[in-house]
């Protein structure tokens, strides 16, 4: 069912179809990845049976018209395009991703109110000046990137006191606790997160990261796993275990490369276990993490070779 009231012939000098369009597996690269190199592209994952999608869709379409070309809206029916949904780890809908220069840079899950949608789009297209909370978030993120997780924790706590449903602050808080080795505190934080926050990609990623660290405890020792692979290059389970052990030890780029090699050797092994594990890594690190971005490029090069 096409929910879009976008039949006006011209919007801001551009055909409506250029601003709002449906996409599929065959056209996704052109509609989203290539198009986002010239203008931000917002992708709305929806389905005809999804009630919240029917609330969110018209608000996104209204915003796309009002922006008059500052971003494009692409709609993807997950029932008809499950491969795209799996690749981007879409686990619930509505789910929205913003793409710039061929890469996802932001996103949210669920039907947000119009004010929050405007704030999301304002950050994307630069129509919203930074608030005090935005500046605090930027400072916290900068502290994380320099390894000053103690300062980041203090900043995130202050932000949450002022905005109890700030998902980015909750997610950053959890990731800093993980980086400090305070896993139990991170688990407690995730457990008490408000429902509207718990589904945010930042929080889902933090939860996935904790699960991977727990998994790494039983993966085995890196040297022993490398020896197993040297003795039998087709020991694919050892390659999976090695990637998890490397991830748990902080060698995340090496963990990704171990799985890329496995996928290159036998992508179908154990129901595509290598690809599944790799996508879990991407989810844990987040869509904008540099290792995720590079890893997705490597995966595409191997998968579509």
Protein backbone atom coordinates (compact mmCIF):
# COMPACT_ATOMS: atom_id res chain seq x y z
CA UNK A 1 0.00 0.00 0.00
CA UNK A 2 1.45 3.35 -1.08
CA UNK A 3 0.81 5.77 1.75
CA UNK A 4 2.43 8.79 0.11
CA UNK A 5 0.33 11.83 -0.80
CA UNK A 6 3.16 12.93 -3.08
CA UNK A 7 1.39 13.32 -6.37
CA UNK A 8 2.10 17.06 -6.78
CA UNK A 9 3.89 17.44 -10.12
CA UNK A 10 6.53 19.92 -8.88
CA UNK A 11 7.98 20.60 -5.43
CA UNK A 12 10.49 23.42 -5.10
CA UNK A 13 11.37 23.05 -8.75
CA UNK A 14 12.10 19.32 -8.49
CA UNK A 15 9.79 16.46 -9.45
CA UNK A 16 8.19 14.85 -6.39
CA UNK A 17 9.59 11.48 -7.44
CA UNK A 18 13.11 12.87 -7.06
CA UNK A 19 12.48 13.74 -3.41
CA UNK A 20 10.37 10.77 -2.28
CA UNK A 21 10.61 7.38 -3.91
CA UNK A 22 10.29 3.65 -3.28
CA UNK A 23 13.40 1.52 -3.63
CA UNK A 24 14.26 -2.15 -3.84
CA UNK A 25 17.23 -4.49 -3.99
CA UNK A 26 17.99 -3.60 -7.60
CA UNK A 27 17.81 0.17 -7.19
CA UNK A 28 19.01 0.66 -3.59
CA UNK A 29 22.61 1.37 -4.55
CA UNK A 30 21.61 4.12 -6.98
CA UNK A 31 18.72 5.50 -4.90
CA UNK A 32 20.62 5.60 -1.62
CA UNK A 33 24.36 4.90 -1.72
CA UNK A 34 25.14 6.85 -4.87
CA UNK A 35 22.52 9.58 -4.35
CA UNK A 36 23.79 10.27 -0.82
CA UNK A 37 27.10 11.42 -2.23
CA UNK A 38 25.40 14.61 -3.45
CA UNK A 39 22.56 15.08 -0.93
CA UNK A 40 21.64 13.35 2.36
CA UNK A 41 19.25 10.42 1.91
CA UNK A 42 16.81 9.28 4.60
CA UNK A 43 15.67 5.66 4.29
CA UNK A 44 12.36 4.66 5.87
CA UNK A 45 12.00 0.90 6.41
CA UNK A 46 8.31 0.05 6.68
CA UNK A 47 5.68 -2.62 5.96
CA UNK A 48 1.97 -2.42 5.09
CA UNK A 49 0.96 -4.22 8.31
CA UNK A 50 2.95 -1.89 10.60
CA UNK A 51 0.73 0.56 12.49
CA UNK A 52 3.51 2.90 13.71
CA UNK A 53 4.84 3.02 10.13
CA UNK A 54 1.55 4.59 9.06
CA UNK A 55 2.07 7.32 11.66
CA UNK A 56 5.73 7.98 10.86
CA UNK A 57 5.64 7.76 7.06
CA UNK A 58 3.45 10.81 6.39
CA UNK A 59 5.52 12.93 8.81
CA UNK A 60 8.74 12.04 6.98
CA UNK A 61 7.10 12.74 3.64
CA UNK A 62 5.80 16.10 4.88
CA UNK A 63 9.31 16.99 6.05
CA UNK A 64 10.83 15.94 2.72
CA UNK A 65 8.49 18.27 0.85
CA UNK A 66 9.15 21.13 3.25
CA UNK A 67 12.95 20.68 2.90
CA UNK A 68 12.64 21.19 -0.89
CA UNK A 69 15.63 19.11 -1.90
CA UNK A 70 17.86 19.42 1.17
CA UNK A 71 17.43 15.67 1.60
CA UNK A 72 15.77 12.81 -0.25
CA UNK A 73 13.40 10.28 1.29
CA UNK A 74 13.61 6.66 0.16
CA UNK A 75 11.03 4.13 1.34
CA UNK A 76 11.82 0.41 1.54
CA UNK A 77 9.10 -2.19 2.11
CA UNK A 78 10.89 -4.85 4.16
CA UNK A 79 8.41 -7.55 3.15
CA UNK A 80 9.56 -7.16 -0.44
CA UNK A 81 13.22 -6.35 0.28
CA UNK A 82 14.36 -8.57 3.13
CA UNK A 83 17.95 -8.70 1.85
CA UNK A 84 18.38 -4.94 2.39
CA UNK A 85 16.81 -5.17 5.84
CA UNK A 86 19.14 -8.02 6.84
CA UNK A 87 22.22 -6.19 5.58
CA UNK A 88 21.43 -3.13 7.70
CA UNK A 89 20.34 -5.24 10.69
CA UNK A 90 16.79 -3.89 10.70
CA UNK A 91 15.16 -5.85 13.51
CA UNK A 92 12.03 -3.79 14.14
CA UNK A 93 10.08 -1.17 12.20
CA UNK A 94 9.64 1.60 11.52
CA UNK A 95 13.39 2.06 11.27
CA UNK A 96 15.01 5.13 9.76
CA UNK A 97 18.61 5.52 8.56
CA UNK A 98 20.29 8.69 7.30
CA UNK A 99 22.99 8.21 4.64
CA UNK A 100 25.73 10.66 3.67
CA UNK A 101 28.54 9.85 1.23
CA UNK A 102 27.31 6.28 0.88
CA UNK A 103 27.40 5.50 4.62
CA UNK A 104 24.79 5.51 7.41
CA UNK A 105 25.46 8.40 9.79
CA UNK A 106 22.39 8.48 12.05
CA UNK A 107 19.11 6.72 12.63
CA UNK A 108 16.27 5.86 14.96
CA UNK A 109 13.67 3.15 15.56
CA UNK A 110 9.98 3.69 16.26
CA UNK A 111 7.43 6.37 15.47
CA UNK A 112 8.87 9.58 16.92
CA UNK A 113 6.79 12.70 17.46
CA UNK A 114 7.09 15.39 14.80
CA UNK A 115 9.29 17.61 17.01
CA UNK A 116 11.91 14.87 17.37
CA UNK A 117 11.77 14.10 13.65
CA UNK A 118 12.46 17.76 12.92
CA UNK A 119 15.41 17.71 15.32
CA UNK A 120 16.77 14.55 13.67
CA UNK A 121 16.48 16.09 10.21
CA UNK A 122 17.83 19.42 11.46
CA UNK A 123 21.03 17.70 12.56
CA UNK A 124 21.26 16.01 9.18
CA UNK A 125 20.79 19.05 6.94
CA UNK A 126 22.19 21.70 9.28
CA UNK A 127 18.98 23.64 9.89
CA UNK A 128 19.22 23.39 13.67
CA UNK A 129 21.79 25.26 15.70
CA UNK A 130 23.51 23.31 18.47
CA UNK A 131 21.77 23.43 21.85
CA UNK A 132 23.55 23.22 25.18
CA UNK A 133 22.72 19.51 25.31
CA UNK A 134 24.08 19.02 21.79
CA UNK A 135 27.31 20.70 22.79
CA UNK A 136 27.54 18.53 25.91
CA UNK A 137 27.01 15.44 23.78
CA UNK A 138 29.77 16.57 21.43
CA UNK A 139 32.12 17.08 24.38
CA UNK A 140 31.27 13.64 25.77
CA UNK A 141 31.87 11.98 22.43
CA UNK A 142 35.17 13.80 22.03
CA UNK A 143 36.22 12.58 25.48
CA UNK A 144 35.36 9.02 24.44
CA UNK A 145 37.37 9.30 21.25
CA UNK A 146 40.45 10.39 23.19
CA UNK A 147 40.01 7.57 25.72
CA UNK A 148 38.90 9.83 28.58
CA UNK A 149 35.92 7.66 29.47
CA UNK A 150 35.75 8.93 33.04
CA UNK A 151 34.99 12.45 31.83
CA UNK A 152 32.58 11.07 29.24
CA UNK A 153 30.64 9.22 31.95
CA UNK A 154 30.32 12.40 34.02
CA UNK A 155 29.06 14.36 31.00
CA UNK A 156 26.56 11.70 29.97
CA UNK A 157 25.19 11.57 33.52
CA UNK A 158 24.62 15.34 33.43
CA UNK A 159 22.86 15.13 30.07
CA UNK A 160 20.52 12.37 31.27
CA UNK A 161 19.60 14.42 34.35
CA UNK A 162 18.35 17.14 32.00
CA UNK A 163 16.95 14.85 29.29
CA UNK A 164 15.94 11.46 30.67
CA UNK A 165 15.16 10.01 27.22
CA UNK A 166 18.28 11.17 25.39
CA UNK A 167 19.16 7.88 23.70
CA UNK A 168 22.57 9.05 22.48
CA UNK A 169 23.56 9.90 26.06
CA UNK A 170 22.34 6.57 27.40
CA UNK A 171 24.19 4.69 24.68
CA UNK A 172 27.37 6.69 25.14
CA UNK A 173 27.16 6.24 28.91
CA UNK A 174 26.89 2.46 28.48
CA UNK A 175 29.78 2.29 26.02
CA UNK A 176 32.05 4.33 28.29
CA UNK A 177 31.27 2.02 31.20
CA UNK A 178 32.16 -0.93 28.97
CA UNK A 179 35.42 0.74 27.96
CA UNK A 180 36.24 1.24 31.64
CA UNK A 181 35.67 -2.48 32.24
CA UNK A 182 32.58 -1.79 34.37
CA UNK A 183 30.47 -4.38 32.59
CA UNK A 184 28.07 -5.05 35.46
CA UNK A 185 27.30 -1.33 35.78
CA UNK A 186 26.75 -1.15 32.02
CA UNK A 187 24.31 -4.06 32.23
CA UNK A 188 22.44 -2.35 35.07
CA UNK A 189 22.25 0.87 33.08
CA UNK A 190 20.87 -0.92 30.01
CA UNK A 191 18.33 -2.80 32.13
CA UNK A 192 16.85 0.40 33.58
CA UNK A 193 16.79 2.39 30.33
CA UNK A 194 13.36 3.82 29.40
CA UNK A 195 11.51 1.74 26.77
CA UNK A 196 11.81 4.45 24.12
CA UNK A 197 15.56 4.51 24.68
CA UNK A 198 16.19 0.76 24.83
CA UNK A 199 15.43 0.28 21.13
CA UNK A 200 17.76 3.03 19.94
CA UNK A 201 20.71 1.73 17.85
CA UNK A 202 23.23 3.13 20.38
CA UNK A 203 21.69 1.10 23.20
CA UNK A 204 21.22 -2.01 21.07
CA UNK A 205 24.86 -1.73 20.04
CA UNK A 206 26.03 -1.45 23.64
CA UNK A 207 24.00 -4.51 24.60
CA UNK A 208 25.42 -6.44 21.64
CA UNK A 209 28.95 -5.39 22.60
CA UNK A 210 28.48 -6.81 26.10
CA UNK A 211 27.16 -10.07 24.65
CA UNK A 212 30.23 -10.31 22.40
CA UNK A 213 32.59 -9.72 25.30
CA UNK A 214 30.86 -12.52 27.19
CA UNK A 215 31.13 -14.72 24.09
CA UNK A 216 34.84 -13.94 23.79
CA UNK A 217 35.51 -15.48 27.21
CA UNK A 218 34.79 -18.91 25.78
CA UNK A 219 36.24 -18.42 22.31
CA UNK A 220 39.73 -19.65 23.15
CA UNK A 221 43.23 -18.21 23.10
CA UNK A 222 44.27 -16.29 19.99
CA UNK A 223 47.58 -18.09 19.51
CA UNK A 224 45.99 -21.54 19.79
CA UNK A 225 43.24 -20.60 17.34
CA UNK A 226 45.78 -19.29 14.81
CA UNK A 227 47.64 -22.58 15.15
CA UNK A 228 44.44 -24.53 14.42
CA UNK A 229 43.85 -22.47 11.29
CA UNK A 230 47.44 -22.90 10.13
CA UNK A 231 47.06 -26.67 10.52
CA UNK A 232 43.69 -26.71 8.75
CA UNK A 233 42.74 -23.62 6.72
CA UNK A 234 39.22 -25.06 6.34
CA UNK A 235 38.63 -25.10 10.09
CA UNK A 236 36.04 -22.36 9.73
CA UNK A 237 34.79 -22.65 13.28
CA UNK A 238 38.30 -21.76 14.44
CA UNK A 239 38.13 -18.68 12.22
CA UNK A 240 34.83 -17.65 13.82
CA UNK A 241 36.27 -18.22 17.30
CA UNK A 242 39.42 -16.29 16.39
CA UNK A 243 37.38 -13.29 15.26
CA UNK A 244 35.41 -13.28 18.51
CA UNK A 245 38.58 -13.61 20.59
CA UNK A 246 40.19 -10.74 18.69
CA UNK A 247 37.09 -8.59 19.14
CA UNK A 248 37.04 -9.30 22.85
CA UNK A 249 40.71 -8.35 23.06
CA UNK A 250 40.12 -4.99 21.42
CA UNK A 251 41.61 -5.95 18.03
CA UNK A 252 38.45 -5.11 16.17
CA UNK A 253 39.89 -4.43 12.72
CA UNK A 254 41.71 -7.78 12.87
CA UNK A 255 38.46 -9.45 13.98
CA UNK A 256 36.64 -8.03 10.96
CA UNK A 257 39.44 -9.07 8.60
CA UNK A 258 39.34 -12.64 9.95
CA UNK A 259 35.67 -12.88 9.01
CA UNK A 260 36.18 -11.22 5.63
CA UNK A 261 38.72 -13.93 4.82
CA UNK A 262 36.27 -16.65 5.91
CA UNK A 263 33.49 -15.16 3.78
CA UNK A 264 35.86 -14.98 0.83
CA UNK A 265 36.69 -18.66 1.24
CA UNK A 266 33.16 -19.99 1.79
CA UNK A 267 30.35 -17.50 2.26
CA UNK A 268 27.68 -20.22 2.59
CA UNK A 269 29.40 -22.18 5.38
CA UNK A 270 27.09 -22.98 8.29
CA UNK A 271 24.21 -20.91 6.90
CA UNK A 272 26.42 -17.84 6.27
CA UNK A 273 27.77 -17.88 9.83
CA UNK A 274 30.69 -15.64 8.90
CA UNK A 275 28.45 -12.89 7.55
CA UNK A 276 26.09 -13.18 10.52
CA UNK A 277 28.97 -12.79 12.98
CA UNK A 278 30.33 -9.84 11.01
CA UNK A 279 27.00 -8.03 11.08
CA UNK A 280 26.90 -8.57 14.83
CA UNK A 281 30.28 -6.84 15.09
CA UNK A 282 28.93 -3.93 13.02
CA UNK A 283 25.90 -3.64 15.28
CA UNK A 284 28.09 -3.62 18.38
CA UNK A 285 30.43 -0.94 17.04
CA UNK A 286 27.71 1.22 15.53
CA UNK A 287 27.07 2.31 11.93
CA UNK A 288 29.38 5.34 12.00
CA UNK A 289 32.38 3.64 13.63
CA UNK A 290 35.41 3.79 11.33
CA UNK A 291 35.99 0.02 11.60
CA UNK A 292 32.33 -0.61 10.69
CA UNK A 293 32.51 1.73 7.70
CA UNK A 294 35.70 0.09 6.40
CA UNK A 295 34.34 -3.37 7.15
CA UNK A 296 31.16 -2.78 5.17
CA UNK A 297 33.26 -1.74 2.17
CA UNK A 298 35.34 -4.93 2.49
CA UNK A 299 32.20 -7.05 2.84
CA UNK A 300 30.65 -5.50 -0.27
CA UNK A 301 33.84 -6.08 -2.25
CA UNK A 302 33.92 -9.76 -1.29
CA UNK A 303 30.19 -10.44 -1.38
CA UNK A 304 29.56 -8.95 -4.82
CA UNK A 305 32.83 -10.04 -6.39
